[in-house]
Amino acid sequence: MNCGQRQHTANVCGRPANPSTVVVAAMAALSPPEEHARQLFEPYGEILDVTINGRKPAATHAFVFFNGKKMDKHAQKACKKVSKKELMGHTLKVEPATSISRTSEPRAVVFCGNLPLGVTEEQLRPLFKKYKTLDEIRIHNAMVSVEVQFSASEMAKYACLMLHGTVFQSSPLSVELKRLEEYTPKQLVLLTQARPAQGADRKS
């Protein structure tokens, strides 16, 4: 909730924001996440505040698939040759993908971890392209929870309508209005106190 002073957000004034003006989004984590969140939501209205919830997101990871007569050999070589290589300042970890069962996935699969946030397939593929059985690369972006406060509830609702379920950085977006139960009891008291009493006279 805005305190009435220009560019003062709820966080600055110590009051919780009206939930009808705040959207909570689960989105792919890019660095810096606040800047990318603003770029994503700014087309839908005036933004007063952006808050990143929780700890720093874990690094992105990927699964690399090989297919063909020499796929197992190439997967083993990739684990040895690509692991510990540097990509955008990150030391890669490449090993057999034990979480994917061979009965459900006939191709050879390796896990590639500790990837930088926002890495693309085009940036990762050159490390594996020398193996001719390379078939597919699936990047799994680390996710981050973001709260975006708009200056009006109509803007927040519009952002939810237009963005929920769309794809951002190869991952679907979850965008919804903040719920009252997500506030602490103390925040709920402050939120109630900040609202004008029902039927109270309004000064022009």
N, C-alpha and C. Protein backbone atom coordinates (compact mmCIF):
# COMPACT_ATOMS: atom_id res chain seq x y z
N MET A 1 0.85 -1.20 0.00
CA MET A 1 0.00 0.00 0.00
C MET A 1 0.87 1.24 0.00
N ASN A 2 0.54 2.23 -0.85
CA ASN A 2 1.32 3.45 -0.93
C ASN A 2 0.92 4.39 0.20
N CYS A 3 1.91 5.03 0.84
CA CYS A 3 1.65 5.90 1.99
C CYS A 3 1.14 7.26 1.59
N GLY A 4 1.14 7.57 0.29
CA GLY A 4 0.70 8.88 -0.16
C GLY A 4 1.85 9.76 -0.60
N GLN A 5 3.07 9.44 -0.19
CA GLN A 5 4.23 10.20 -0.62
C GLN A 5 4.78 9.57 -1.88
N ARG A 6 5.20 10.40 -2.79
CA ARG A 6 5.66 9.94 -4.09
C ARG A 6 6.79 8.93 -3.96
N GLN A 7 6.62 7.78 -4.64
CA GLN A 7 7.63 6.72 -4.73
C GLN A 7 7.92 6.05 -3.40
N HIS A 8 7.04 6.23 -2.41
CA HIS A 8 7.20 5.50 -1.16
C HIS A 8 6.45 4.18 -1.26
N THR A 9 7.12 3.09 -1.07
CA THR A 9 6.49 1.78 -1.14
C THR A 9 6.12 1.32 0.26
N ALA A 10 5.39 0.17 0.31
CA ALA A 10 4.98 -0.38 1.60
C ALA A 10 6.20 -0.73 2.45
N ASN A 11 7.25 -1.23 1.80
CA ASN A 11 8.44 -1.62 2.56
C ASN A 11 9.10 -0.42 3.22
N VAL A 12 9.10 0.71 2.54
CA VAL A 12 9.74 1.91 3.07
C VAL A 12 8.95 2.44 4.26
N CYS A 13 7.62 2.43 4.14
CA CYS A 13 6.77 3.04 5.16
C CYS A 13 6.44 2.09 6.30
N GLY A 14 6.77 0.83 6.18
CA GLY A 14 6.52 -0.12 7.24
C GLY A 14 5.13 -0.71 7.23
N ARG A 15 4.34 -0.39 6.21
CA ARG A 15 3.01 -0.95 6.11
C ARG A 15 2.98 -2.03 5.03
N PRO A 16 2.20 -3.08 5.25
CA PRO A 16 2.10 -4.11 4.21
C PRO A 16 1.30 -3.59 3.02
N ALA A 17 1.64 -4.09 1.84
CA ALA A 17 0.94 -3.67 0.64
C ALA A 17 -0.43 -4.34 0.56
N ASN A 18 -1.39 -3.62 0.01
CA ASN A 18 -2.70 -4.21 -0.24
C ASN A 18 -2.54 -5.42 -1.15
N PRO A 19 -3.05 -6.60 -0.76
CA PRO A 19 -2.82 -7.80 -1.57
C PRO A 19 -3.38 -7.71 -2.98
N SER A 20 -4.36 -6.84 -3.20
CA SER A 20 -4.94 -6.73 -4.54
C SER A 20 -4.00 -6.03 -5.51
N THR A 21 -2.92 -5.41 -4.99
CA THR A 21 -1.95 -4.74 -5.86
C THR A 21 -0.65 -5.53 -6.01
N VAL A 22 -0.55 -6.68 -5.35
CA VAL A 22 0.69 -7.46 -5.34
C VAL A 22 0.49 -8.79 -6.05
N VAL A 23 1.38 -9.10 -6.98
CA VAL A 23 1.36 -10.41 -7.61
C VAL A 23 2.57 -11.20 -7.13
N VAL A 24 2.38 -12.50 -6.98
CA VAL A 24 3.45 -13.42 -6.60
C VAL A 24 3.74 -14.28 -7.81
N ALA A 25 4.98 -14.30 -8.24
CA ALA A 25 5.34 -15.03 -9.45
C ALA A 25 6.48 -16.01 -9.18
N ALA A 26 6.33 -17.22 -9.73
CA ALA A 26 7.43 -18.17 -9.76
C ALA A 26 8.00 -18.12 -11.17
N MET A 27 9.25 -17.69 -11.29
CA MET A 27 9.84 -17.47 -12.61
C MET A 27 11.27 -17.98 -12.64
N ALA A 28 11.76 -18.21 -13.85
CA ALA A 28 13.14 -18.63 -14.02
C ALA A 28 14.07 -17.56 -13.45
N ALA A 29 15.06 -18.01 -12.70
CA ALA A 29 15.97 -17.07 -12.04
C ALA A 29 17.06 -16.62 -13.00
N LEU A 30 17.09 -15.34 -13.27
CA LEU A 30 18.15 -14.74 -14.06
C LEU A 30 18.86 -13.73 -13.18
N SER A 31 20.07 -13.40 -13.54
CA SER A 31 20.85 -12.48 -12.71
C SER A 31 21.00 -11.14 -13.43
N PRO A 32 20.62 -10.02 -12.73
CA PRO A 32 20.01 -9.94 -11.40
C PRO A 32 18.50 -10.16 -11.49
N PRO A 33 17.90 -10.94 -10.59
CA PRO A 33 16.47 -11.28 -10.73
C PRO A 33 15.53 -10.09 -10.63
N GLU A 34 15.86 -9.08 -9.79
CA GLU A 34 14.98 -7.92 -9.67
C GLU A 34 14.84 -7.18 -11.00
N GLU A 35 15.95 -7.02 -11.70
CA GLU A 35 15.94 -6.29 -12.97
C GLU A 35 15.10 -7.03 -14.00
N HIS A 36 15.26 -8.35 -14.08
CA HIS A 36 14.51 -9.13 -15.06
C HIS A 36 13.02 -9.17 -14.72
N ALA A 37 12.70 -9.18 -13.43
CA ALA A 37 11.29 -9.15 -13.02
C ALA A 37 10.65 -7.83 -13.44
N ARG A 38 11.37 -6.75 -13.25
CA ARG A 38 10.84 -5.44 -13.65
C ARG A 38 10.61 -5.39 -15.16
N GLN A 39 11.56 -5.89 -15.94
CA GLN A 39 11.41 -5.89 -17.39
C GLN A 39 10.21 -6.73 -17.83
N LEU A 40 9.96 -7.80 -17.11
CA LEU A 40 8.86 -8.70 -17.45
C LEU A 40 7.50 -8.08 -17.13
N PHE A 41 7.40 -7.36 -16.00
CA PHE A 41 6.11 -6.87 -15.52
C PHE A 41 5.81 -5.41 -15.87
N GLU A 42 6.81 -4.63 -16.21
CA GLU A 42 6.60 -3.20 -16.47
C GLU A 42 5.59 -2.91 -17.58
N PRO A 43 5.47 -3.74 -18.62
CA PRO A 43 4.47 -3.44 -19.66
C PRO A 43 3.03 -3.44 -19.16
N TYR A 44 2.80 -3.94 -17.94
CA TYR A 44 1.42 -4.08 -17.46
C TYR A 44 1.03 -3.03 -16.43
N GLY A 45 1.91 -2.10 -16.12
CA GLY A 45 1.54 -1.02 -15.21
C GLY A 45 2.72 -0.50 -14.41
N GLU A 46 2.43 0.53 -13.62
CA GLU A 46 3.46 1.16 -12.79
C GLU A 46 3.84 0.25 -11.62
N ILE A 47 5.12 -0.03 -11.48
CA ILE A 47 5.62 -0.90 -10.42
C ILE A 47 6.18 -0.04 -9.28
N LEU A 48 5.73 -0.34 -8.06
CA LEU A 48 6.22 0.37 -6.89
C LEU A 48 7.36 -0.35 -6.19
N ASP A 49 7.35 -1.69 -6.26
CA ASP A 49 8.35 -2.44 -5.51
C ASP A 49 8.49 -3.84 -6.09
N VAL A 50 9.70 -4.38 -6.03
CA VAL A 50 9.97 -5.77 -6.41
C VAL A 50 10.76 -6.42 -5.29
N THR A 51 10.28 -7.56 -4.81
CA THR A 51 10.93 -8.26 -3.71
C THR A 51 11.20 -9.70 -4.12
N ILE A 52 12.43 -10.16 -3.88
CA ILE A 52 12.79 -11.55 -4.14
C ILE A 52 12.63 -12.31 -2.83
N ASN A 53 11.81 -13.35 -2.85
CA ASN A 53 11.54 -14.13 -1.64
C ASN A 53 12.52 -15.28 -1.49
N GLY A 54 12.87 -15.60 -0.26
CA GLY A 54 13.69 -16.77 0.01
C GLY A 54 15.16 -16.54 -0.25
N ARG A 55 15.89 -17.64 -0.25
CA ARG A 55 17.34 -17.60 -0.42
C ARG A 55 17.72 -17.46 -1.88
N LYS A 56 19.01 -17.26 -2.10
CA LYS A 56 19.53 -17.19 -3.45
C LYS A 56 19.22 -18.50 -4.17
N PRO A 57 18.68 -18.46 -5.39
CA PRO A 57 18.30 -19.69 -6.09
C PRO A 57 19.49 -20.58 -6.39
N ALA A 58 19.22 -21.87 -6.43
CA ALA A 58 20.27 -22.83 -6.78
C ALA A 58 20.66 -22.64 -8.24
N ALA A 59 21.81 -23.16 -8.60
CA ALA A 59 22.28 -23.02 -9.98
C ALA A 59 21.40 -23.83 -10.93
N THR A 60 21.34 -23.37 -12.17
CA THR A 60 20.61 -24.08 -13.21
C THR A 60 21.32 -25.38 -13.56
N HIS A 61 20.56 -26.38 -14.02
CA HIS A 61 21.17 -27.63 -14.48
C HIS A 61 20.54 -28.06 -15.80
N ALA A 62 21.12 -29.05 -16.42
CA ALA A 62 20.62 -29.54 -17.71
C ALA A 62 20.81 -31.04 -17.82
N PHE A 63 20.00 -31.65 -18.68
CA PHE A 63 20.19 -33.05 -19.05
C PHE A 63 20.57 -33.09 -20.52
N VAL A 64 21.61 -33.85 -20.82
CA VAL A 64 22.12 -33.96 -22.19
C VAL A 64 21.87 -35.39 -22.67
N PHE A 65 21.20 -35.52 -23.81
CA PHE A 65 20.79 -36.83 -24.33
C PHE A 65 21.63 -37.20 -25.54
N PHE A 66 22.05 -38.48 -25.57
CA PHE A 66 22.79 -39.03 -26.69
C PHE A 66 21.98 -40.19 -27.27
N ASN A 67 22.04 -40.32 -28.60
CA ASN A 67 21.26 -41.39 -29.24
C ASN A 67 22.03 -41.94 -30.44
N GLY A 68 22.18 -43.25 -30.49
CA GLY A 68 22.93 -43.90 -31.57
C GLY A 68 23.77 -45.05 -31.06
N LYS A 69 24.46 -45.71 -31.95
CA LYS A 69 25.24 -46.90 -31.58
C LYS A 69 26.31 -46.59 -30.54
N LYS A 70 26.91 -45.42 -30.63
CA LYS A 70 28.00 -45.08 -29.71
C LYS A 70 27.55 -44.13 -28.59
N MET A 71 26.24 -44.10 -28.32
CA MET A 71 25.74 -43.12 -27.34
C MET A 71 26.32 -43.34 -25.94
N ASP A 72 26.44 -44.59 -25.50
CA ASP A 72 26.98 -44.84 -24.15
C ASP A 72 28.44 -44.41 -24.06
N LYS A 73 29.20 -44.70 -25.12
CA LYS A 73 30.61 -44.32 -25.14
C LYS A 73 30.76 -42.81 -25.12
N HIS A 74 29.93 -42.12 -25.90
CA HIS A 74 30.01 -40.67 -25.96
C HIS A 74 29.56 -40.03 -24.65
N ALA A 75 28.57 -40.62 -24.01
CA ALA A 75 28.11 -40.10 -22.72
C ALA A 75 29.22 -40.23 -21.67
N GLN A 76 29.91 -41.34 -21.67
CA GLN A 76 31.00 -41.55 -20.72
C GLN A 76 32.14 -40.56 -20.98
N LYS A 77 32.45 -40.35 -22.25
CA LYS A 77 33.52 -39.41 -22.60
C LYS A 77 33.15 -37.99 -22.20
N ALA A 78 31.87 -37.64 -22.40
CA ALA A 78 31.42 -36.30 -22.04
C ALA A 78 31.57 -36.07 -20.53
N CYS A 79 31.28 -37.08 -19.74
CA CYS A 79 31.42 -36.95 -18.29
C CYS A 79 32.87 -36.66 -17.90
N LYS A 80 33.80 -37.27 -18.60
CA LYS A 80 35.21 -37.08 -18.28
C LYS A 80 35.77 -35.79 -18.86
N LYS A 81 35.39 -35.47 -20.10
CA LYS A 81 36.01 -34.35 -20.81
C LYS A 81 35.37 -32.99 -20.50
N VAL A 82 34.05 -32.98 -20.28
CA VAL A 82 33.35 -31.70 -20.09
C VAL A 82 33.31 -31.29 -18.62
N SER A 83 33.28 -32.29 -17.74
CA SER A 83 33.24 -31.97 -16.31
C SER A 83 34.46 -31.14 -15.91
N LYS A 84 34.22 -30.15 -15.09
CA LYS A 84 35.23 -29.21 -14.58
C LYS A 84 35.65 -28.15 -15.60
N LYS A 85 35.00 -28.17 -16.79
CA LYS A 85 35.25 -27.07 -17.71
C LYS A 85 34.52 -25.83 -17.22
N GLU A 86 35.00 -24.66 -17.64
CA GLU A 86 34.42 -23.39 -17.23
C GLU A 86 33.42 -22.88 -18.27
N LEU A 87 32.28 -22.39 -17.78
CA LEU A 87 31.29 -21.76 -18.65
C LEU A 87 30.76 -20.52 -17.93
N MET A 88 31.09 -19.36 -18.45
CA MET A 88 30.62 -18.09 -17.88
C MET A 88 30.95 -17.98 -16.39
N GLY A 89 32.16 -18.43 -16.04
CA GLY A 89 32.62 -18.33 -14.66
C GLY A 89 32.16 -19.44 -13.75
N HIS A 90 31.48 -20.45 -14.27
CA HIS A 90 31.00 -21.58 -13.47
C HIS A 90 31.74 -22.84 -13.88
N THR A 91 32.20 -23.59 -12.87
CA THR A 91 32.86 -24.88 -13.13
C THR A 91 31.79 -25.96 -13.24
N LEU A 92 31.69 -26.58 -14.39
CA LEU A 92 30.60 -27.52 -14.66
C LEU A 92 30.83 -28.86 -13.96
N LYS A 93 29.74 -29.48 -13.60
CA LYS A 93 29.75 -30.82 -13.03
C LYS A 93 28.95 -31.72 -13.96
N VAL A 94 29.62 -32.69 -14.58
CA VAL A 94 28.96 -33.57 -15.55
C VAL A 94 29.13 -35.01 -15.09
N GLU A 95 28.00 -35.72 -14.99
CA GLU A 95 28.02 -37.10 -14.50
C GLU A 95 26.81 -37.84 -15.05
N PRO A 96 26.80 -39.18 -14.96
CA PRO A 96 25.63 -39.94 -15.45
C PRO A 96 24.36 -39.49 -14.73
N ALA A 97 23.26 -39.40 -15.48
CA ALA A 97 21.99 -38.95 -14.91
C ALA A 97 21.29 -40.13 -14.23
N THR A 98 21.62 -40.36 -12.98
CA THR A 98 21.08 -41.52 -12.26
C THR A 98 19.59 -41.35 -11.94
N SER A 99 19.09 -40.11 -12.01
CA SER A 99 17.67 -39.89 -11.69
C SER A 99 16.75 -40.27 -12.83
N ILE A 100 17.31 -40.54 -14.01
CA ILE A 100 16.50 -40.93 -15.17
C ILE A 100 16.70 -42.42 -15.45
N SER A 101 15.63 -43.17 -15.35
CA SER A 101 15.70 -44.62 -15.54
C SER A 101 15.88 -44.98 -17.01
N ARG A 102 16.72 -45.94 -17.29
CA ARG A 102 16.96 -46.39 -18.67
C ARG A 102 15.74 -47.12 -19.22
N THR A 103 14.89 -47.63 -18.35
CA THR A 103 13.68 -48.30 -18.83
C THR A 103 12.67 -47.29 -19.39
N SER A 104 12.67 -46.07 -18.84
CA SER A 104 11.75 -45.04 -19.32
C SER A 104 12.39 -44.15 -20.38
N GLU A 105 13.74 -44.12 -20.44
CA GLU A 105 14.46 -43.30 -21.41
C GLU A 105 15.55 -44.14 -22.05
N PRO A 106 15.33 -44.62 -23.28
CA PRO A 106 16.32 -45.50 -23.94
C PRO A 106 17.62 -44.82 -24.32
N ARG A 107 17.64 -43.53 -24.40
CA ARG A 107 18.86 -42.83 -24.77
C ARG A 107 19.81 -42.73 -23.57
N ALA A 108 21.08 -42.50 -23.87
CA ALA A 108 22.06 -42.25 -22.81
C ALA A 108 21.93 -40.80 -22.37
N VAL A 109 21.93 -40.58 -21.05
CA VAL A 109 21.70 -39.24 -20.52
C VAL A 109 22.76 -38.89 -19.49
N VAL A 110 23.28 -37.67 -19.57
CA VAL A 110 24.20 -37.18 -18.55
C VAL A 110 23.61 -35.93 -17.92
N PHE A 111 23.94 -35.73 -16.66
CA PHE A 111 23.52 -34.56 -15.90
C PHE A 111 24.63 -33.52 -15.96
N CYS A 112 24.26 -32.28 -16.24
CA CYS A 112 25.23 -31.19 -16.29
C CYS A 112 24.80 -30.14 -15.28
N GLY A 113 25.53 -30.03 -14.17
CA GLY A 113 25.14 -29.14 -13.10
C GLY A 113 26.04 -27.93 -12.93
N ASN A 114 25.63 -27.06 -12.03
CA ASN A 114 26.33 -25.81 -11.72
C ASN A 114 26.42 -24.88 -12.93
N LEU A 115 25.35 -24.84 -13.71
CA LEU A 115 25.29 -23.93 -14.85
C LEU A 115 24.94 -22.52 -14.37
N PRO A 116 25.40 -21.51 -15.07
CA PRO A 116 25.06 -20.13 -14.68
C PRO A 116 23.58 -19.84 -14.93
N LEU A 117 23.01 -18.94 -14.14
CA LEU A 117 21.62 -18.56 -14.32
C LEU A 117 21.41 -17.96 -15.70
N GLY A 118 20.34 -18.38 -16.36
CA GLY A 118 20.00 -17.82 -17.66
C GLY A 118 20.77 -18.40 -18.83
N VAL A 119 21.55 -19.46 -18.61
CA VAL A 119 22.31 -20.06 -19.71
C VAL A 119 21.33 -20.61 -20.75
N THR A 120 21.73 -20.54 -22.01
CA THR A 120 20.89 -21.03 -23.10
C THR A 120 21.49 -22.29 -23.71
N GLU A 121 20.67 -22.99 -24.47
CA GLU A 121 21.17 -24.19 -25.15
C GLU A 121 22.28 -23.84 -26.13
N GLU A 122 22.15 -22.69 -26.77
CA GLU A 122 23.19 -22.26 -27.73
C GLU A 122 24.54 -22.06 -27.05
N GLN A 123 24.52 -21.66 -25.80
CA GLN A 123 25.78 -21.46 -25.07
C GLN A 123 26.36 -22.77 -24.56
N LEU A 124 25.50 -23.73 -24.27
CA LEU A 124 25.96 -25.00 -23.72
C LEU A 124 26.33 -26.02 -24.79
N ARG A 125 25.64 -26.00 -25.91
CA ARG A 125 25.82 -27.02 -26.96
C ARG A 125 27.25 -27.15 -27.46
N PRO A 126 28.03 -26.07 -27.65
CA PRO A 126 29.39 -26.23 -28.16
C PRO A 126 30.27 -27.16 -27.33
N LEU A 127 29.98 -27.32 -26.04
CA LEU A 127 30.79 -28.21 -25.20
C LEU A 127 30.55 -29.68 -25.52
N PHE A 128 29.40 -29.97 -26.14
CA PHE A 128 29.05 -31.37 -26.40
C PHE A 128 28.94 -31.71 -27.89
N LYS A 129 29.04 -30.71 -28.77
CA LYS A 129 28.74 -30.94 -30.18
C LYS A 129 29.73 -31.88 -30.88
N LYS A 130 30.92 -32.07 -30.31
CA LYS A 130 31.89 -32.96 -30.95
C LYS A 130 31.47 -34.42 -30.87
N TYR A 131 30.53 -34.73 -29.97
CA TYR A 131 30.02 -36.10 -29.87
C TYR A 131 28.84 -36.25 -30.83
N LYS A 132 29.04 -37.03 -31.88
CA LYS A 132 28.09 -37.08 -32.99
C LYS A 132 26.74 -37.68 -32.60
N THR A 133 26.67 -38.38 -31.48
CA THR A 133 25.39 -38.95 -31.07
C THR A 133 24.58 -37.97 -30.20
N LEU A 134 25.09 -36.74 -30.02
CA LEU A 134 24.35 -35.74 -29.26
C LEU A 134 22.98 -35.54 -29.90
N ASP A 135 21.93 -35.69 -29.09
CA ASP A 135 20.57 -35.67 -29.62
C ASP A 135 19.75 -34.49 -29.11
N GLU A 136 19.88 -34.17 -27.83
CA GLU A 136 19.02 -33.14 -27.24
C GLU A 136 19.64 -32.61 -25.95
N ILE A 137 19.39 -31.34 -25.69
CA ILE A 137 19.80 -30.71 -24.42
C ILE A 137 18.56 -30.06 -23.80
N ARG A 138 18.27 -30.44 -22.57
CA ARG A 138 17.13 -29.85 -21.86
C ARG A 138 17.65 -29.07 -20.66
N ILE A 139 17.45 -27.77 -20.69
CA ILE A 139 17.90 -26.92 -19.59
C ILE A 139 16.77 -26.74 -18.59
N HIS A 140 17.09 -26.94 -17.33
CA HIS A 140 16.12 -26.74 -16.24
C HIS A 140 16.56 -25.52 -15.43
N ASN A 141 15.86 -24.43 -15.67
CA ASN A 141 16.22 -23.18 -14.99
C ASN A 141 15.87 -23.23 -13.51
N ALA A 142 16.76 -22.71 -12.69
CA ALA A 142 16.44 -22.53 -11.27
C ALA A 142 15.29 -21.54 -11.19
N MET A 143 14.39 -21.74 -10.22
CA MET A 143 13.23 -20.89 -10.08
C MET A 143 13.38 -19.97 -8.86
N VAL A 144 12.77 -18.82 -8.97
CA VAL A 144 12.80 -17.86 -7.87
C VAL A 144 11.39 -17.32 -7.67
N SER A 145 11.05 -17.02 -6.41
CA SER A 145 9.74 -16.44 -6.10
C SER A 145 9.87 -14.93 -5.98
N VAL A 146 9.04 -14.23 -6.72
CA VAL A 146 9.12 -12.77 -6.78
C VAL A 146 7.77 -12.16 -6.42
N GLU A 147 7.80 -11.09 -5.64
CA GLU A 147 6.60 -10.30 -5.37
C GLU A 147 6.75 -8.96 -6.07
N VAL A 148 5.75 -8.62 -6.88
CA VAL A 148 5.76 -7.36 -7.61
C VAL A 148 4.55 -6.55 -7.17
N GLN A 149 4.81 -5.35 -6.65
CA GLN A 149 3.72 -4.47 -6.20
C GLN A 149 3.44 -3.41 -7.26
N PHE A 150 2.20 -3.38 -7.74
CA PHE A 150 1.77 -2.36 -8.70
C PHE A 150 1.10 -1.20 -7.95
N SER A 151 0.92 -0.10 -8.64
CA SER A 151 0.29 1.07 -8.02
C SER A 151 -1.23 0.94 -7.99
N ALA A 152 -1.80 -0.03 -8.72
CA ALA A 152 -3.25 -0.21 -8.73
C ALA A 152 -3.59 -1.68 -8.90
N SER A 153 -4.72 -2.08 -8.33
CA SER A 153 -5.11 -3.48 -8.39
C SER A 153 -5.44 -3.93 -9.81
N GLU A 154 -5.95 -3.01 -10.64
CA GLU A 154 -6.28 -3.37 -12.02
C GLU A 154 -5.04 -3.80 -12.79
N MET A 155 -3.92 -3.15 -12.50
CA MET A 155 -2.66 -3.51 -13.16
C MET A 155 -2.20 -4.90 -12.74
N ALA A 156 -2.33 -5.19 -11.44
CA ALA A 156 -1.91 -6.49 -10.93
C ALA A 156 -2.76 -7.60 -11.55
N LYS A 157 -4.06 -7.37 -11.64
CA LYS A 157 -4.96 -8.38 -12.23
C LYS A 157 -4.65 -8.58 -13.71
N TYR A 158 -4.34 -7.49 -14.41
CA TYR A 158 -4.01 -7.57 -15.83
C TYR A 158 -2.73 -8.37 -16.04
N ALA A 159 -1.73 -8.15 -15.19
CA ALA A 159 -0.47 -8.90 -15.30
C ALA A 159 -0.71 -10.39 -15.09
N CYS A 160 -1.54 -10.73 -14.11
CA CYS A 160 -1.86 -12.15 -13.86
C CYS A 160 -2.53 -12.77 -15.07
N LEU A 161 -3.50 -12.04 -15.64
CA LEU A 161 -4.25 -12.54 -16.78
C LEU A 161 -3.36 -12.78 -17.99
N MET A 162 -2.44 -11.87 -18.24
CA MET A 162 -1.62 -11.94 -19.44
C MET A 162 -0.40 -12.84 -19.30
N LEU A 163 0.13 -13.01 -18.09
CA LEU A 163 1.41 -13.72 -17.94
C LEU A 163 1.29 -15.14 -17.38
N HIS A 164 0.26 -15.43 -16.60
CA HIS A 164 0.17 -16.76 -15.98
C HIS A 164 0.11 -17.85 -17.05
N GLY A 165 1.00 -18.82 -16.92
CA GLY A 165 1.03 -19.95 -17.85
C GLY A 165 1.86 -19.73 -19.09
N THR A 166 2.33 -18.49 -19.32
CA THR A 166 3.19 -18.25 -20.48
C THR A 166 4.61 -18.74 -20.19
N VAL A 167 5.41 -18.86 -21.21
CA VAL A 167 6.77 -19.40 -21.07
C VAL A 167 7.78 -18.28 -21.02
N PHE A 168 8.65 -18.33 -20.01
CA PHE A 168 9.73 -17.35 -19.85
C PHE A 168 11.02 -18.12 -19.61
N GLN A 169 12.01 -17.92 -20.49
CA GLN A 169 13.29 -18.63 -20.38
C GLN A 169 13.07 -20.15 -20.30
N SER A 170 12.21 -20.66 -21.19
CA SER A 170 11.94 -22.10 -21.33
C SER A 170 11.18 -22.69 -20.15
N SER A 171 10.71 -21.87 -19.22
CA SER A 171 9.96 -22.37 -18.06
C SER A 171 8.62 -21.64 -17.97
N PRO A 172 7.53 -22.37 -17.63
CA PRO A 172 6.23 -21.72 -17.51
C PRO A 172 6.17 -20.80 -16.29
N LEU A 173 5.50 -19.68 -16.45
CA LEU A 173 5.34 -18.72 -15.36
C LEU A 173 4.10 -19.05 -14.53
N SER A 174 4.22 -18.91 -13.22
CA SER A 174 3.07 -18.97 -12.33
C SER A 174 2.90 -17.58 -11.73
N VAL A 175 1.80 -16.92 -12.06
CA VAL A 175 1.57 -15.54 -11.62
C VAL A 175 0.17 -15.44 -11.02
N GLU A 176 0.07 -15.03 -9.77
CA GLU A 176 -1.24 -14.89 -9.12
C GLU A 176 -1.20 -13.76 -8.10
N LEU A 177 -2.38 -13.27 -7.72
CA LEU A 177 -2.45 -12.23 -6.70
C LEU A 177 -2.04 -12.79 -5.34
N LYS A 178 -1.39 -11.95 -4.55
CA LYS A 178 -0.99 -12.37 -3.21
C LYS A 178 -2.23 -12.59 -2.36
N ARG A 179 -2.23 -13.66 -1.57
CA ARG A 179 -3.38 -14.00 -0.73
C ARG A 179 -3.19 -13.45 0.68
N LEU A 180 -4.29 -13.14 1.34
CA LEU A 180 -4.22 -12.59 2.69
C LEU A 180 -3.54 -13.54 3.66
N GLU A 181 -3.72 -14.86 3.46
CA GLU A 181 -3.14 -15.81 4.41
C GLU A 181 -1.62 -15.84 4.34
N GLU A 182 -1.02 -15.18 3.32
CA GLU A 182 0.43 -15.13 3.22
C GLU A 182 1.03 -14.04 4.11
N TYR A 183 0.19 -13.20 4.72
CA TYR A 183 0.66 -12.16 5.62
C TYR A 183 0.76 -12.70 7.04
N THR A 184 1.68 -12.14 7.81
CA THR A 184 1.77 -12.49 9.23
C THR A 184 0.64 -11.80 9.98
N PRO A 185 0.27 -12.29 11.18
CA PRO A 185 -0.77 -11.62 11.97
C PRO A 185 -0.49 -10.13 12.18
N LYS A 186 0.77 -9.77 12.43
CA LYS A 186 1.13 -8.37 12.64
C LYS A 186 0.88 -7.55 11.37
N GLN A 187 1.22 -8.12 10.20
CA GLN A 187 1.01 -7.42 8.94
C GLN A 187 -0.48 -7.23 8.67
N LEU A 188 -1.29 -8.23 9.04
CA LEU A 188 -2.74 -8.12 8.84
C LEU A 188 -3.32 -6.99 9.68
N VAL A 189 -2.82 -6.83 10.91
CA VAL A 189 -3.28 -5.74 11.77
C VAL A 189 -2.92 -4.40 11.14
N LEU A 190 -1.69 -4.25 10.67
CA LEU A 190 -1.26 -3.01 10.03
C LEU A 190 -2.07 -2.72 8.77
N LEU A 191 -2.35 -3.78 8.01
CA LEU A 191 -3.12 -3.62 6.78
C LEU A 191 -4.53 -3.13 7.10
N THR A 192 -5.14 -3.68 8.13
CA THR A 192 -6.49 -3.27 8.54
C THR A 192 -6.49 -1.83 9.03
N GLN A 193 -5.48 -1.46 9.82
CA GLN A 193 -5.39 -0.10 10.35
C GLN A 193 -5.18 0.93 9.25
N ALA A 194 -4.54 0.50 8.17
CA ALA A 194 -4.24 1.42 7.07
C ALA A 194 -5.46 1.73 6.23
N ARG A 195 -6.50 0.89 6.30
CA ARG A 195 -7.70 1.10 5.52
C ARG A 195 -8.62 2.10 6.22
N PRO A 196 -9.30 2.97 5.47
CA PRO A 196 -10.24 3.92 6.09
C PRO A 196 -11.44 3.18 6.65
N ALA A 197 -11.97 3.67 7.76
CA ALA A 197 -13.13 3.03 8.37
C ALA A 197 -14.32 3.09 7.44
N GLN A 198 -15.11 2.02 7.42
CA GLN A 198 -16.24 1.95 6.53
C GLN A 198 -17.24 3.05 6.88
N GLY A 199 -17.67 3.82 5.91
CA GLY A 199 -18.64 4.86 6.13
C GLY A 199 -18.03 6.16 6.61
N ALA A 200 -16.71 6.20 6.80
CA ALA A 200 -16.06 7.42 7.28
C ALA A 200 -16.11 8.50 6.23
N ASP A 201 -16.18 9.78 6.68
CA ASP A 201 -16.21 10.88 5.75
C ASP A 201 -14.89 11.01 5.04
N ARG A 202 -14.93 11.28 3.76
CA ARG A 202 -13.71 11.45 2.97
C ARG A 202 -13.51 12.93 2.68
N LYS A 203 -12.29 13.37 2.92
CA LYS A 203 -11.99 14.77 2.63
C LYS A 203 -11.70 14.95 1.15
N SER A 204 -12.19 15.97 0.60
CA SER A 204 -11.95 16.21 -0.82
C SER A 204 -10.61 16.91 -1.01
